[in-house]
Amino acid sequence: MGTHKLLIEVGNRTVIEHLLNTLADAYGWAAIAVSCRPEDVALQHRLQRLGPLRLVIPNPAPVDMRASVEQLVESVGRAPEKPTVTGWMLIPADHPVVEPTVLQRLDEAHREHREGIVVPVHQG
C-alpha cells in the first residue's frame, strides 16, 4: 500500500477520518478512544489534529487485536475524567464506510438489551 492503511485517501479523507467523522455524526465527539501503536507516528500526528479524542499509545505495542482492546479499555478505565459507561462500541479503524444510522441502530438495540452483546448483521 505504500503507507499506513488508515492514512490512505478515500475520496477527500483518509480511512481513519471517514470513521471518526461517522462517529461524530452519530454521537458527537464524546468518549471516543483510539489505540495506536507506538511506531505509528504519522497516524498519531493525524489523530491529534482531528478532534477531541483519547489517544492511547500502549507500550510495549500489543501483540494482537485482543491485547490492543484490553489495553485500550484498561486505559480508559483509569482516566481521571472517566465517564459513566453503560456500554462500549468496538469498531476496527479500517471500516471507513460504516453508516451513522448503523451505529445509531446498534445503540438503540443496546439500550433495549443492556445485559447482552449487540452485533450488526446484514440479511441474517
PDB file of N, CA and C in Angstrom:
ATOM      1  N   MET A   1       0.807  -1.197   0.000  1.00  0.00           N
ATOM      2  CA  MET A   1       0.000   0.000   0.000  1.00  0.00           C
ATOM      3  C   MET A   1       0.854   1.267   0.000  1.00  0.00           C
ATOM      4  N   GLY A   2       2.058   1.152   0.492  1.00  0.00           N
ATOM      5  CA  GLY A   2       2.957   2.293   0.475  1.00  0.00           C
ATOM      6  C   GLY A   2       2.828   3.230   1.658  1.00  0.00           C
ATOM      7  N   THR A   3       1.800   3.044   2.474  1.00  0.00           N
ATOM      8  CA  THR A   3       1.599   3.881   3.656  1.00  0.00           C
ATOM      9  C   THR A   3       0.722   3.112   4.642  1.00  0.00           C
ATOM     10  N   HIS A   4       0.542   3.659   5.807  1.00  0.00           N
ATOM     11  CA  HIS A   4      -0.344   3.049   6.798  1.00  0.00           C
ATOM     12  C   HIS A   4      -1.753   3.028   6.213  1.00  0.00           C
ATOM     13  N   LYS A   5      -2.451   1.895   6.294  1.00  0.00           N
ATOM     14  CA  LYS A   5      -3.756   1.792   5.634  1.00  0.00           C
ATOM     15  C   LYS A   5      -4.769   2.798   6.163  1.00  0.00           C
ATOM     16  N   LEU A   6      -4.647   3.243   7.403  1.00  0.00           N
ATOM     17  CA  LEU A   6      -5.593   4.220   7.933  1.00  0.00           C
ATOM     18  C   LEU A   6      -5.350   5.626   7.394  1.00  0.00           C
ATOM     19  N   LEU A   7      -4.185   5.829   6.769  1.00  0.00           N
ATOM     20  CA  LEU A   7      -3.851   7.134   6.201  1.00  0.00           C
ATOM     21  C   LEU A   7      -4.073   7.195   4.687  1.00  0.00           C
ATOM     22  N   ILE A   8      -4.584   6.118   4.119  1.00  0.00           N
ATOM     23  CA  ILE A   8      -4.883   6.098   2.683  1.00  0.00           C
ATOM     24  C   ILE A   8      -6.092   6.987   2.418  1.00  0.00           C
ATOM     25  N   GLU A   9      -5.992   7.790   1.381  1.00  0.00           N
ATOM     26  CA  GLU A   9      -7.085   8.681   0.998  1.00  0.00           C
ATOM     27  C   GLU A   9      -8.186   7.882   0.301  1.00  0.00           C
ATOM     28  N   VAL A  10      -9.407   8.085   0.756  1.00  0.00           N
ATOM     29  CA  VAL A  10     -10.594   7.522   0.126  1.00  0.00           C
ATOM     30  C   VAL A  10     -11.503   8.720  -0.137  1.00  0.00           C
ATOM     31  N   GLY A  11     -11.590   9.117  -1.384  1.00  0.00           N
ATOM     32  CA  GLY A  11     -12.301  10.358  -1.679  1.00  0.00           C
ATOM     33  C   GLY A  11     -11.480  11.528  -1.161  1.00  0.00           C
ATOM     34  N   ASN A  12     -12.091  12.350  -0.353  1.00  0.00           N
ATOM     35  CA  ASN A  12     -11.401  13.541   0.134  1.00  0.00           C
ATOM     36  C   ASN A  12     -10.886  13.412   1.559  1.00  0.00           C
ATOM     37  N   ARG A  13     -10.929  12.199   2.129  1.00  0.00           N
ATOM     38  CA  ARG A  13     -10.470  11.986   3.510  1.00  0.00           C
ATOM     39  C   ARG A  13      -9.712  10.676   3.615  1.00  0.00           C
ATOM     40  N   THR A  14      -8.948  10.554   4.717  1.00  0.00           N
ATOM     41  CA  THR A  14      -8.272   9.287   4.980  1.00  0.00           C
ATOM     42  C   THR A  14      -9.278   8.293   5.544  1.00  0.00           C
ATOM     43  N   VAL A  15      -8.899   7.026   5.551  1.00  0.00           N
ATOM     44  CA  VAL A  15      -9.750   5.967   6.099  1.00  0.00           C
ATOM     45  C   VAL A  15     -10.144   6.294   7.542  1.00  0.00           C
ATOM     46  N   ILE A  16      -9.176   6.683   8.381  1.00  0.00           N
ATOM     47  CA  ILE A  16      -9.475   6.973   9.782  1.00  0.00           C
ATOM     48  C   ILE A  16     -10.382   8.192   9.907  1.00  0.00           C
ATOM     49  N   GLU A  17     -10.204   9.187   9.052  1.00  0.00           N
ATOM     50  CA  GLU A  17     -11.069  10.366   9.097  1.00  0.00           C
ATOM     51  C   GLU A  17     -12.509  10.012   8.752  1.00  0.00           C
ATOM     52  N   HIS A  18     -12.710   9.116   7.787  1.00  0.00           N
ATOM     53  CA  HIS A  18     -14.068   8.682   7.453  1.00  0.00           C
ATOM     54  C   HIS A  18     -14.744   8.072   8.683  1.00  0.00           C
ATOM     55  N   LEU A  19     -14.049   7.173   9.362  1.00  0.00           N
ATOM     56  CA  LEU A  19     -14.649   6.515  10.528  1.00  0.00           C
ATOM     57  C   LEU A  19     -14.913   7.517  11.646  1.00  0.00           C
ATOM     58  N   LEU A  20     -13.946   8.363  11.957  1.00  0.00           N
ATOM     59  CA  LEU A  20     -14.136   9.325  13.046  1.00  0.00           C
ATOM     60  C   LEU A  20     -15.224  10.340  12.724  1.00  0.00           C
ATOM     61  N   ASN A  21     -15.348  10.732  11.467  1.00  0.00           N
ATOM     62  CA  ASN A  21     -16.439  11.629  11.084  1.00  0.00           C
ATOM     63  C   ASN A  21     -17.794  10.943  11.217  1.00  0.00           C
ATOM     64  N   THR A  22     -17.846   9.670  10.906  1.00  0.00           N
ATOM     65  CA  THR A  22     -19.087   8.917  11.086  1.00  0.00           C
ATOM     66  C   THR A  22     -19.458   8.859  12.559  1.00  0.00           C
ATOM     67  N   LEU A  23     -18.480   8.604  13.415  1.00  0.00           N
ATOM     68  CA  LEU A  23     -18.752   8.594  14.858  1.00  0.00           C
ATOM     69  C   LEU A  23     -19.217   9.967  15.326  1.00  0.00           C
ATOM     70  N   ALA A  24     -18.601  11.021  14.822  1.00  0.00           N
ATOM     71  CA  ALA A  24     -19.008  12.378  15.190  1.00  0.00           C
ATOM     72  C   ALA A  24     -20.438  12.646  14.724  1.00  0.00           C
ATOM     73  N   ASP A  25     -20.787  12.190  13.526  1.00  0.00           N
ATOM     74  CA  ASP A  25     -22.140  12.377  13.010  1.00  0.00           C
ATOM     75  C   ASP A  25     -23.166  11.611  13.838  1.00  0.00           C
ATOM     76  N   ALA A  26     -22.785  10.422  14.296  1.00  0.00           N
ATOM     77  CA  ALA A  26     -23.719   9.580  15.044  1.00  0.00           C
ATOM     78  C   ALA A  26     -23.827   9.993  16.507  1.00  0.00           C
ATOM     79  N   TYR A  27     -22.712  10.426  17.113  1.00  0.00           N
ATOM     80  CA  TYR A  27     -22.672  10.632  18.563  1.00  0.00           C
ATOM     81  C   TYR A  27     -22.053  11.932  19.015  1.00  0.00           C
ATOM     82  N   GLY A  28     -21.441  12.691  18.159  1.00  0.00           N
ATOM     83  CA  GLY A  28     -20.606  13.789  18.628  1.00  0.00           C
ATOM     84  C   GLY A  28     -19.244  13.197  18.984  1.00  0.00           C
ATOM     85  N   TRP A  29     -18.370  13.990  19.549  1.00  0.00           N
ATOM     86  CA  TRP A  29     -17.012  13.525  19.825  1.00  0.00           C
ATOM     87  C   TRP A  29     -16.852  12.945  21.219  1.00  0.00           C
ATOM     88  N   ALA A  30     -17.883  12.865  21.994  1.00  0.00           N
ATOM     89  CA  ALA A  30     -17.760  12.410  23.383  1.00  0.00           C
ATOM     90  C   ALA A  30     -17.268  10.964  23.442  1.00  0.00           C
ATOM     91  N   ALA A  31     -16.312  10.726  24.296  1.00  0.00           N
ATOM     92  CA  ALA A  31     -15.859   9.391  24.682  1.00  0.00           C
ATOM     93  C   ALA A  31     -15.349   8.525  23.542  1.00  0.00           C
ATOM     94  N   ILE A  32     -14.659   9.095  22.593  1.00  0.00           N
ATOM     95  CA  ILE A  32     -14.019   8.299  21.546  1.00  0.00           C
ATOM     96  C   ILE A  32     -12.567   8.075  21.952  1.00  0.00           C
ATOM     97  N   ALA A  33     -12.154   6.815  21.984  1.00  0.00           N
ATOM     98  CA  ALA A  33     -10.779   6.463  22.320  1.00  0.00           C
ATOM     99  C   ALA A  33     -10.202   5.637  21.172  1.00  0.00           C
ATOM    100  N   VAL A  34      -8.954   5.910  20.835  1.00  0.00           N
ATOM    101  CA  VAL A  34      -8.284   5.218  19.735  1.00  0.00           C
ATOM    102  C   VAL A  34      -6.954   4.679  20.246  1.00  0.00           C
ATOM    103  N   SER A  35      -6.713   3.404  19.984  1.00  0.00           N
ATOM    104  CA  SER A  35      -5.429   2.798  20.325  1.00  0.00           C
ATOM    105  C   SER A  35      -4.524   2.886  19.100  1.00  0.00           C
ATOM    106  N   CYS A  36      -3.286   3.299  19.324  1.00  0.00           N
ATOM    107  CA  CYS A  36      -2.333   3.481  18.229  1.00  0.00           C
ATOM    108  C   CYS A  36      -0.987   2.908  18.642  1.00  0.00           C
ATOM    109  N   ARG A  37      -0.399   2.113  17.791  1.00  0.00           N
ATOM    110  CA  ARG A  37       0.900   1.509  18.095  1.00  0.00           C
ATOM    111  C   ARG A  37       1.967   2.596  18.246  1.00  0.00           C
ATOM    112  N   PRO A  38       2.948   2.401  19.119  1.00  0.00           N
ATOM    113  CA  PRO A  38       3.981   3.417  19.350  1.00  0.00           C
ATOM    114  C   PRO A  38       4.743   3.830  18.093  1.00  0.00           C
ATOM    115  N   GLU A  39       4.956   2.906  17.167  1.00  0.00           N
ATOM    116  CA  GLU A  39       5.741   3.229  15.966  1.00  0.00           C
ATOM    117  C   GLU A  39       4.931   3.957  14.884  1.00  0.00           C
ATOM    118  N   ASP A  40       3.608   4.061  15.049  1.00  0.00           N
ATOM    119  CA  ASP A  40       2.761   4.715  14.049  1.00  0.00           C
ATOM    120  C   ASP A  40       2.694   6.225  14.281  1.00  0.00           C
ATOM    121  N   VAL A  41       3.834   6.886  14.162  1.00  0.00           N
ATOM    122  CA  VAL A  41       3.950   8.309  14.482  1.00  0.00           C
ATOM    123  C   VAL A  41       3.097   9.173  13.543  1.00  0.00           C
ATOM    124  N   ALA A  42       3.112   8.891  12.244  1.00  0.00           N
ATOM    125  CA  ALA A  42       2.316   9.691  11.296  1.00  0.00           C
ATOM    126  C   ALA A  42       0.831   9.595  11.628  1.00  0.00           C
ATOM    127  N   LEU A  43       0.370   8.400  11.982  1.00  0.00           N
ATOM    128  CA  LEU A  43      -1.027   8.218  12.372  1.00  0.00           C
ATOM    129  C   LEU A  43      -1.329   8.982  13.664  1.00  0.00           C
ATOM    130  N   GLN A  44      -0.423   8.928  14.627  1.00  0.00           N
ATOM    131  CA  GLN A  44      -0.618   9.665  15.881  1.00  0.00           C
ATOM    132  C   GLN A  44      -0.773  11.155  15.603  1.00  0.00           C
ATOM    133  N   HIS A  45       0.078  11.707  14.748  1.00  0.00           N
ATOM    134  CA  HIS A  45       0.004  13.138  14.425  1.00  0.00           C
ATOM    135  C   HIS A  45      -1.328  13.473  13.764  1.00  0.00           C
ATOM    136  N   ARG A  46      -1.772  12.623  12.852  1.00  0.00           N
ATOM    137  CA  ARG A  46      -3.055  12.866  12.168  1.00  0.00           C
ATOM    138  C   ARG A  46      -4.197  12.816  13.179  1.00  0.00           C
ATOM    139  N   LEU A  47      -4.183  11.834  14.067  1.00  0.00           N
ATOM    140  CA  LEU A  47      -5.247  11.706  15.063  1.00  0.00           C
ATOM    141  C   LEU A  47      -5.291  12.913  16.000  1.00  0.00           C
ATOM    142  N   GLN A  48      -4.133  13.408  16.388  1.00  0.00           N
ATOM    143  CA  GLN A  48      -4.080  14.559  17.301  1.00  0.00           C
ATOM    144  C   GLN A  48      -4.675  15.807  16.669  1.00  0.00           C
ATOM    145  N   ARG A  49      -4.668  15.892  15.351  1.00  0.00           N
ATOM    146  CA  ARG A  49      -5.220  17.065  14.660  1.00  0.00           C
ATOM    147  C   ARG A  49      -6.713  16.938  14.374  1.00  0.00           C
ATOM    148  N   LEU A  50      -7.288  15.773  14.535  1.00  0.00           N
ATOM    149  CA  LEU A  50      -8.658  15.543  14.092  1.00  0.00           C
ATOM    150  C   LEU A  50      -9.740  16.042  15.038  1.00  0.00           C
ATOM    151  N   GLY A  51      -9.490  16.060  16.289  1.00  0.00           N
ATOM    152  CA  GLY A  51     -10.538  16.486  17.199  1.00  0.00           C
ATOM    153  C   GLY A  51     -10.332  15.896  18.567  1.00  0.00           C
ATOM    154  N   PRO A  52     -11.248  16.192  19.451  1.00  0.00           N
ATOM    155  CA  PRO A  52     -11.095  15.708  20.828  1.00  0.00           C
ATOM    156  C   PRO A  52     -11.353  14.203  20.913  1.00  0.00           C
ATOM    157  N   LEU A  53     -10.302  13.463  21.079  1.00  0.00           N
ATOM    158  CA  LEU A  53     -10.419  12.026  21.288  1.00  0.00           C
ATOM    159  C   LEU A  53      -9.306  11.607  22.234  1.00  0.00           C
ATOM    160  N   ARG A  54      -9.475  10.464  22.834  1.00  0.00           N
ATOM    161  CA  ARG A  54      -8.449   9.937  23.736  1.00  0.00           C
ATOM    162  C   ARG A  54      -7.537   9.033  22.922  1.00  0.00           C
ATOM    163  N   LEU A  55      -6.302   9.432  22.773  1.00  0.00           N
ATOM    164  CA  LEU A  55      -5.315   8.651  22.038  1.00  0.00           C
ATOM    165  C   LEU A  55      -4.532   7.819  23.041  1.00  0.00           C
ATOM    166  N   VAL A  56      -4.600   6.515  22.887  1.00  0.00           N
ATOM    167  CA  VAL A  56      -3.914   5.584  23.782  1.00  0.00           C
ATOM    168  C   VAL A  56      -2.780   4.940  22.997  1.00  0.00           C
ATOM    169  N   ILE A  57      -1.560   5.085  23.522  1.00  0.00           N
ATOM    170  CA  ILE A  57      -0.382   4.512  22.869  1.00  0.00           C
ATOM    171  C   ILE A  57       0.236   3.506  23.834  1.00  0.00           C
ATOM    172  N   PRO A  58      -0.165   2.237  23.728  1.00  0.00           N
ATOM    173  CA  PRO A  58       0.352   1.233  24.653  1.00  0.00           C
ATOM    174  C   PRO A  58       1.831   0.962  24.410  1.00  0.00           C
ATOM    175  N   ASN A  59       2.553   0.796  25.498  1.00  0.00           N
ATOM    176  CA  ASN A  59       3.974   0.492  25.398  1.00  0.00           C
ATOM    177  C   ASN A  59       4.288  -0.617  26.384  1.00  0.00           C
ATOM    178  N   PRO A  60       4.693  -1.774  25.906  1.00  0.00           N
ATOM    179  CA  PRO A  60       5.021  -2.116  24.520  1.00  0.00           C
ATOM    180  C   PRO A  60       3.758  -2.276  23.673  1.00  0.00           C
ATOM    181  N   ALA A  61       3.965  -2.302  22.374  1.00  0.00           N
ATOM    182  CA  ALA A  61       2.846  -2.470  21.444  1.00  0.00           C
ATOM    183  C   ALA A  61       2.155  -3.806  21.709  1.00  0.00           C
ATOM    184  N   PRO A  62       0.825  -3.840  21.608  1.00  0.00           N
ATOM    185  CA  PRO A  62       0.096  -5.080  21.823  1.00  0.00           C
ATOM    186  C   PRO A  62       0.451  -6.123  20.761  1.00  0.00           C
ATOM    187  N   VAL A  63       0.375  -7.389  21.153  1.00  0.00           N
ATOM    188  CA  VAL A  63       0.740  -8.478  20.237  1.00  0.00           C
ATOM    189  C   VAL A  63      -0.374  -8.803  19.248  1.00  0.00           C
ATOM    190  N   ASP A  64      -1.624  -8.471  19.585  1.00  0.00           N
ATOM    191  CA  ASP A  64      -2.746  -8.754  18.697  1.00  0.00           C
ATOM    192  C   ASP A  64      -3.899  -7.808  19.021  1.00  0.00           C
ATOM    193  N   MET A  65      -4.991  -7.942  18.271  1.00  0.00           N
ATOM    194  CA  MET A  65      -6.127  -7.045  18.456  1.00  0.00           C
ATOM    195  C   MET A  65      -6.740  -7.187  19.847  1.00  0.00           C
ATOM    196  N   ARG A  66      -6.843  -8.398  20.340  1.00  0.00           N
ATOM    197  CA  ARG A  66      -7.409  -8.605  21.677  1.00  0.00           C
ATOM    198  C   ARG A  66      -6.616  -7.837  22.737  1.00  0.00           C
ATOM    199  N   ALA A  67      -5.299  -7.955  22.699  1.00  0.00           N
ATOM    200  CA  ALA A  67      -4.456  -7.247  23.661  1.00  0.00           C
ATOM    201  C   ALA A  67      -4.608  -5.738  23.496  1.00  0.00           C
ATOM    202  N   SER A  68      -4.749  -5.278  22.261  1.00  0.00           N
ATOM    203  CA  SER A  68      -4.940  -3.858  21.996  1.00  0.00           C
ATOM    204  C   SER A  68      -6.236  -3.363  22.636  1.00  0.00           C
ATOM    205  N   VAL A  69      -7.312  -4.110  22.459  1.00  0.00           N
ATOM    206  CA  VAL A  69      -8.605  -3.735  23.042  1.00  0.00           C
ATOM    207  C   VAL A  69      -8.524  -3.759  24.564  1.00  0.00           C
ATOM    208  N   GLU A  70      -7.906  -4.790  25.132  1.00  0.00           N
ATOM    209  CA  GLU A  70      -7.774  -4.870  26.586  1.00  0.00           C
ATOM    210  C   GLU A  70      -7.014  -3.668  27.139  1.00  0.00           C
ATOM    211  N   GLN A  71      -5.919  -3.296  26.475  1.00  0.00           N
ATOM    212  CA  GLN A  71      -5.136  -2.148  26.931  1.00  0.00           C
ATOM    213  C   GLN A  71      -5.917  -0.851  26.774  1.00  0.00           C
ATOM    214  N   LEU A  72      -6.678  -0.730  25.714  1.00  0.00           N
ATOM    215  CA  LEU A  72      -7.478   0.469  25.487  1.00  0.00           C
ATOM    216  C   LEU A  72      -8.546   0.612  26.572  1.00  0.00           C
ATOM    217  N   VAL A  73      -9.274  -0.444  26.841  1.00  0.00           N
ATOM    218  CA  VAL A  73     -10.329  -0.408  27.859  1.00  0.00           C
ATOM    219  C   VAL A  73      -9.732  -0.125  29.238  1.00  0.00           C
ATOM    220  N   GLU A  74      -8.620  -0.764  29.536  1.00  0.00           N
ATOM    221  CA  GLU A  74      -7.946  -0.524  30.826  1.00  0.00           C
ATOM    222  C   GLU A  74      -7.515   0.935  30.957  1.00  0.00           C
ATOM    223  N   SER A  75      -6.962   1.498  29.902  1.00  0.00           N
ATOM    224  CA  SER A  75      -6.509   2.879  29.930  1.00  0.00           C
ATOM    225  C   SER A  75      -7.674   3.848  30.137  1.00  0.00           C
ATOM    226  N   VAL A  76      -8.758   3.631  29.429  1.00  0.00           N
ATOM    227  CA  VAL A  76      -9.927   4.489  29.578  1.00  0.00           C
ATOM    228  C   VAL A  76     -10.498   4.351  30.986  1.00  0.00           C
ATOM    229  N   GLY A  77     -10.477   3.145  31.531  1.00  0.00           N
ATOM    230  CA  GLY A  77     -10.979   2.915  32.884  1.00  0.00           C
ATOM    231  C   GLY A  77     -10.158   3.614  33.957  1.00  0.00           C
ATOM    232  N   ARG A  78      -8.888   3.876  33.671  1.00  0.00           N
ATOM    233  CA  ARG A  78      -8.011   4.567  34.630  1.00  0.00           C
ATOM    234  C   ARG A  78      -8.030   6.083  34.472  1.00  0.00           C
ATOM    235  N   ALA A  79      -8.665   6.582  33.430  1.00  0.00           N
ATOM    236  CA  ALA A  79      -8.628   8.018  33.143  1.00  0.00           C
ATOM    237  C   ALA A  79      -9.284   8.816  34.270  1.00  0.00           C
ATOM    238  N   PRO A  80      -8.675   9.933  34.660  1.00  0.00           N
ATOM    239  CA  PRO A  80      -9.249  10.746  35.732  1.00  0.00           C
ATOM    240  C   PRO A  80     -10.611  11.326  35.359  1.00  0.00           C
ATOM    241  N   GLU A  81     -10.841  11.571  34.084  1.00  0.00           N
ATOM    242  CA  GLU A  81     -12.123  12.119  33.639  1.00  0.00           C
ATOM    243  C   GLU A  81     -13.090  11.018  33.212  1.00  0.00           C
ATOM    244  N   LYS A  82     -12.878   9.813  33.729  1.00  0.00           N
ATOM    245  CA  LYS A  82     -13.643   8.637  33.333  1.00  0.00           C
ATOM    246  C   LYS A  82     -15.150   8.909  33.387  1.00  0.00           C
ATOM    247  N   PRO A  83     -15.830   8.779  32.260  1.00  0.00           N
ATOM    248  CA  PRO A  83     -17.275   8.985  32.250  1.00  0.00           C
ATOM    249  C   PRO A  83     -18.008   7.759  32.798  1.00  0.00           C
ATOM    250  N   THR A  84     -19.260   7.943  33.142  1.00  0.00           N
ATOM    251  CA  THR A  84     -20.100   6.806  33.494  1.00  0.00           C
ATOM    252  C   THR A  84     -20.374   6.047  32.200  1.00  0.00           C
ATOM    253  N   VAL A  85     -20.021   4.787  32.176  1.00  0.00           N
ATOM    254  CA  VAL A  85     -20.137   3.999  30.953  1.00  0.00           C
ATOM    255  C   VAL A  85     -21.238   2.963  31.116  1.00  0.00           C
ATOM    256  N   THR A  86     -22.155   2.936  30.159  1.00  0.00           N
ATOM    257  CA  THR A  86     -23.203   1.911  30.157  1.00  0.00           C
ATOM    258  C   THR A  86     -22.950   0.870  29.078  1.00  0.00           C
ATOM    259  N   GLY A  87     -21.977   1.128  28.223  1.00  0.00           N
ATOM    260  CA  GLY A  87     -21.646   0.177  27.174  1.00  0.00           C
ATOM    261  C   GLY A  87     -20.465   0.659  26.364  1.00  0.00           C
ATOM    262  N   TRP A  88     -19.918  -0.245  25.563  1.00  0.00           N
ATOM    263  CA  TRP A  88     -18.771   0.047  24.703  1.00  0.00           C
ATOM    264  C   TRP A  88     -19.139  -0.318  23.278  1.00  0.00           C
ATOM    265  N   MET A  89     -18.617   0.425  22.335  1.00  0.00           N
ATOM    266  CA  MET A  89     -18.756   0.058  20.935  1.00  0.00           C
ATOM    267  C   MET A  89     -17.342  -0.118  20.391  1.00  0.00           C
ATOM    268  N   LEU A  90     -17.038  -1.304  19.950  1.00  0.00           N
ATOM    269  CA  LEU A  90     -15.726  -1.608  19.392  1.00  0.00           C
ATOM    270  C   LEU A  90     -15.832  -1.596  17.875  1.00  0.00           C
ATOM    271  N   ILE A  91     -15.053  -0.713  17.247  1.00  0.00           N
ATOM    272  CA  ILE A  91     -15.077  -0.605  15.788  1.00  0.00           C
ATOM    273  C   ILE A  91     -13.641  -0.642  15.279  1.00  0.00           C
ATOM    274  N   PRO A  92     -13.271  -1.663  14.516  1.00  0.00           N
ATOM    275  CA  PRO A  92     -11.935  -1.644  13.915  1.00  0.00           C
ATOM    276  C   PRO A  92     -11.795  -0.392  13.044  1.00  0.00           C
ATOM    277  N   ALA A  93     -10.661   0.245  13.108  1.00  0.00           N
ATOM    278  CA  ALA A  93     -10.461   1.544  12.458  1.00  0.00           C
ATOM    279  C   ALA A  93     -10.454   1.473  10.942  1.00  0.00           C
ATOM    280  N   ASP A  94     -10.317   0.290  10.373  1.00  0.00           N
ATOM    281  CA  ASP A  94     -10.247   0.193   8.906  1.00  0.00           C
ATOM    282  C   ASP A  94     -11.619  -0.090   8.285  1.00  0.00           C
ATOM    283  N   HIS A  95     -12.665   0.466   8.867  1.00  0.00           N
ATOM    284  CA  HIS A  95     -14.024   0.343   8.330  1.00  0.00           C
ATOM    285  C   HIS A  95     -14.541   1.736   7.958  1.00  0.00           C
ATOM    286  N   PRO A  96     -14.073   2.293   6.826  1.00  0.00           N
ATOM    287  CA  PRO A  96     -14.407   3.683   6.507  1.00  0.00           C
ATOM    288  C   PRO A  96     -15.823   3.904   5.999  1.00  0.00           C
ATOM    289  N   VAL A  97     -16.571   2.859   5.694  1.00  0.00           N
ATOM    290  CA  VAL A  97     -17.893   3.060   5.096  1.00  0.00           C
ATOM    291  C   VAL A  97     -19.051   2.724   6.034  1.00  0.00           C
ATOM    292  N   VAL A  98     -18.787   2.572   7.319  1.00  0.00           N
ATOM    293  CA  VAL A  98     -19.884   2.330   8.256  1.00  0.00           C
ATOM    294  C   VAL A  98     -20.760   3.585   8.298  1.00  0.00           C
ATOM    295  N   GLU A  99     -22.070   3.382   8.292  1.00  0.00           N
ATOM    296  CA  GLU A  99     -23.018   4.493   8.251  1.00  0.00           C
ATOM    297  C   GLU A  99     -23.437   4.917   9.661  1.00  0.00           C
ATOM    298  N   PRO A 100     -23.650   6.220   9.888  1.00  0.00           N
ATOM    299  CA  PRO A 100     -24.119   6.676  11.206  1.00  0.00           C
ATOM    300  C   PRO A 100     -25.408   5.987  11.636  1.00  0.00           C
ATOM    301  N   THR A 101     -26.289   5.703  10.691  1.00  0.00           N
ATOM    302  CA  THR A 101     -27.563   5.053  11.048  1.00  0.00           C
ATOM    303  C   THR A 101     -27.331   3.655  11.617  1.00  0.00           C
ATOM    304  N   VAL A 102     -26.320   2.960  11.120  1.00  0.00           N
ATOM    305  CA  VAL A 102     -25.991   1.632  11.658  1.00  0.00           C
ATOM    306  C   VAL A 102     -25.541   1.759  13.110  1.00  0.00           C
ATOM    307  N   LEU A 103     -24.688   2.727  13.391  1.00  0.00           N
ATOM    308  CA  LEU A 103     -24.220   2.938  14.762  1.00  0.00           C
ATOM    309  C   LEU A 103     -25.373   3.336  15.672  1.00  0.00           C
ATOM    310  N   GLN A 104     -26.259   4.175  15.180  1.00  0.00           N
ATOM    311  CA  GLN A 104     -27.409   4.588  15.977  1.00  0.00           C
ATOM    312  C   GLN A 104     -28.338   3.407  16.263  1.00  0.00           C
ATOM    313  N   ARG A 105     -28.526   2.525  15.279  1.00  0.00           N
ATOM    314  CA  ARG A 105     -29.365   1.338  15.492  1.00  0.00           C
ATOM    315  C   ARG A 105     -28.725   0.388  16.494  1.00  0.00           C
ATOM    316  N   LEU A 106     -27.404   0.259  16.443  1.00  0.00           N
ATOM    317  CA  LEU A 106     -26.713  -0.560  17.437  1.00  0.00           C
ATOM    318  C   LEU A 106     -26.905   0.016  18.839  1.00  0.00           C
ATOM    319  N   ASP A 107     -26.813   1.334  18.944  1.00  0.00           N
ATOM    320  CA  ASP A 107     -27.004   1.996  20.226  1.00  0.00           C
ATOM    321  C   ASP A 107     -28.423   1.771  20.747  1.00  0.00           C
ATOM    322  N   GLU A 108     -29.402   1.884  19.875  1.00  0.00           N
ATOM    323  CA  GLU A 108     -30.793   1.635  20.264  1.00  0.00           C
ATOM    324  C   GLU A 108     -30.978   0.192  20.738  1.00  0.00           C
ATOM    325  N   ALA A 109     -30.398  -0.750  20.026  1.00  0.00           N
ATOM    326  CA  ALA A 109     -30.505  -2.168  20.427  1.00  0.00           C
ATOM    327  C   ALA A 109     -29.839  -2.392  21.776  1.00  0.00           C
ATOM    328  N   HIS A 110     -28.703  -1.723  22.002  1.00  0.00           N
ATOM    329  CA  HIS A 110     -28.028  -1.844  23.298  1.00  0.00           C
ATOM    330  C   HIS A 110     -28.906  -1.305  24.421  1.00  0.00           C
ATOM    331  N   ARG A 111     -29.575  -0.197  24.181  1.00  0.00           N
ATOM    332  CA  ARG A 111     -30.444   0.390  25.207  1.00  0.00           C
ATOM    333  C   ARG A 111     -31.597  -0.549  25.559  1.00  0.00           C
ATOM    334  N   GLU A 112     -32.063  -1.318  24.570  1.00  0.00           N
ATOM    335  CA  GLU A 112     -33.150  -2.272  24.806  1.00  0.00           C
ATOM    336  C   GLU A 112     -32.662  -3.538  25.512  1.00  0.00           C
ATOM    337  N   HIS A 113     -31.435  -3.939  25.282  1.00  0.00           N
ATOM    338  CA  HIS A 113     -30.883  -5.199  25.794  1.00  0.00           C
ATOM    339  C   HIS A 113     -29.577  -4.920  26.515  1.00  0.00           C
ATOM    340  N   ARG A 114     -29.626  -4.230  27.621  1.00  0.00           N
ATOM    341  CA  ARG A 114     -28.434  -3.767  28.341  1.00  0.00           C
ATOM    342  C   ARG A 114     -27.487  -4.888  28.754  1.00  0.00           C
ATOM    343  N   GLU A 115     -27.987  -6.064  28.987  1.00  0.00           N
ATOM    344  CA  GLU A 115     -27.141  -7.149  29.505  1.00  0.00           C
ATOM    345  C   GLU A 115     -26.463  -7.955  28.406  1.00  0.00           C
ATOM    346  N   GLY A 116     -26.834  -7.738  27.166  1.00  0.00           N
ATOM    347  CA  GLY A 116     -26.296  -8.570  26.090  1.00  0.00           C
ATOM    348  C   GLY A 116     -25.268  -7.860  25.234  1.00  0.00           C
ATOM    349  N   ILE A 117     -24.747  -8.599  24.296  1.00  0.00           N
ATOM    350  CA  ILE A 117     -23.818  -8.073  23.301  1.00  0.00           C
ATOM    351  C   ILE A 117     -24.620  -7.887  22.019  1.00  0.00           C
ATOM    352  N   VAL A 118     -24.483  -6.732  21.405  1.00  0.00           N
ATOM    353  CA  VAL A 118     -25.214  -6.427  20.184  1.00  0.00           C
ATOM    354  C   VAL A 118     -24.237  -6.501  19.018  1.00  0.00           C
ATOM    355  N   VAL A 119     -24.588  -7.267  18.004  1.00  0.00           N
ATOM    356  CA  VAL A 119     -23.724  -7.457  16.848  1.00  0.00           C
ATOM    357  C   VAL A 119     -24.515  -7.116  15.578  1.00  0.00           C
ATOM    358  N   PRO A 120     -23.982  -6.264  14.704  1.00  0.00           N
ATOM    359  CA  PRO A 120     -24.693  -5.952  13.479  1.00  0.00           C
ATOM    360  C   PRO A 120     -24.630  -7.120  12.504  1.00  0.00           C
ATOM    361  N   VAL A 121     -25.730  -7.316  11.776  1.00  0.00           N
ATOM    362  CA  VAL A 121     -25.765  -8.347  10.725  1.00  0.00           C
ATOM    363  C   VAL A 121     -26.464  -7.748   9.506  1.00  0.00           C
ATOM    364  N   HIS A 122     -26.245  -8.361   8.374  1.00  0.00           N
ATOM    365  CA  HIS A 122     -26.904  -7.918   7.136  1.00  0.00           C
ATOM    366  C   HIS A 122     -27.525  -9.142   6.491  1.00  0.00           C
ATOM    367  N   GLN A 123     -28.806  -9.094   6.216  1.00  0.00           N
ATOM    368  CA  GLN A 123     -29.556 -10.181   5.621  1.00  0.00           C
ATOM    369  C   GLN A 123     -29.365 -11.485   6.389  1.00  0.00           C
ATOM    370  N   GLY A 124     -29.496 -11.364   7.702  1.00  0.00           N
ATOM    371  CA  GLY A 124     -29.438 -12.541   8.571  1.00  0.00           C
ATOM    372  C   GLY A 124     -28.059 -12.888   9.024  1.00  0.00           C
TER     373      GLY A 124
END
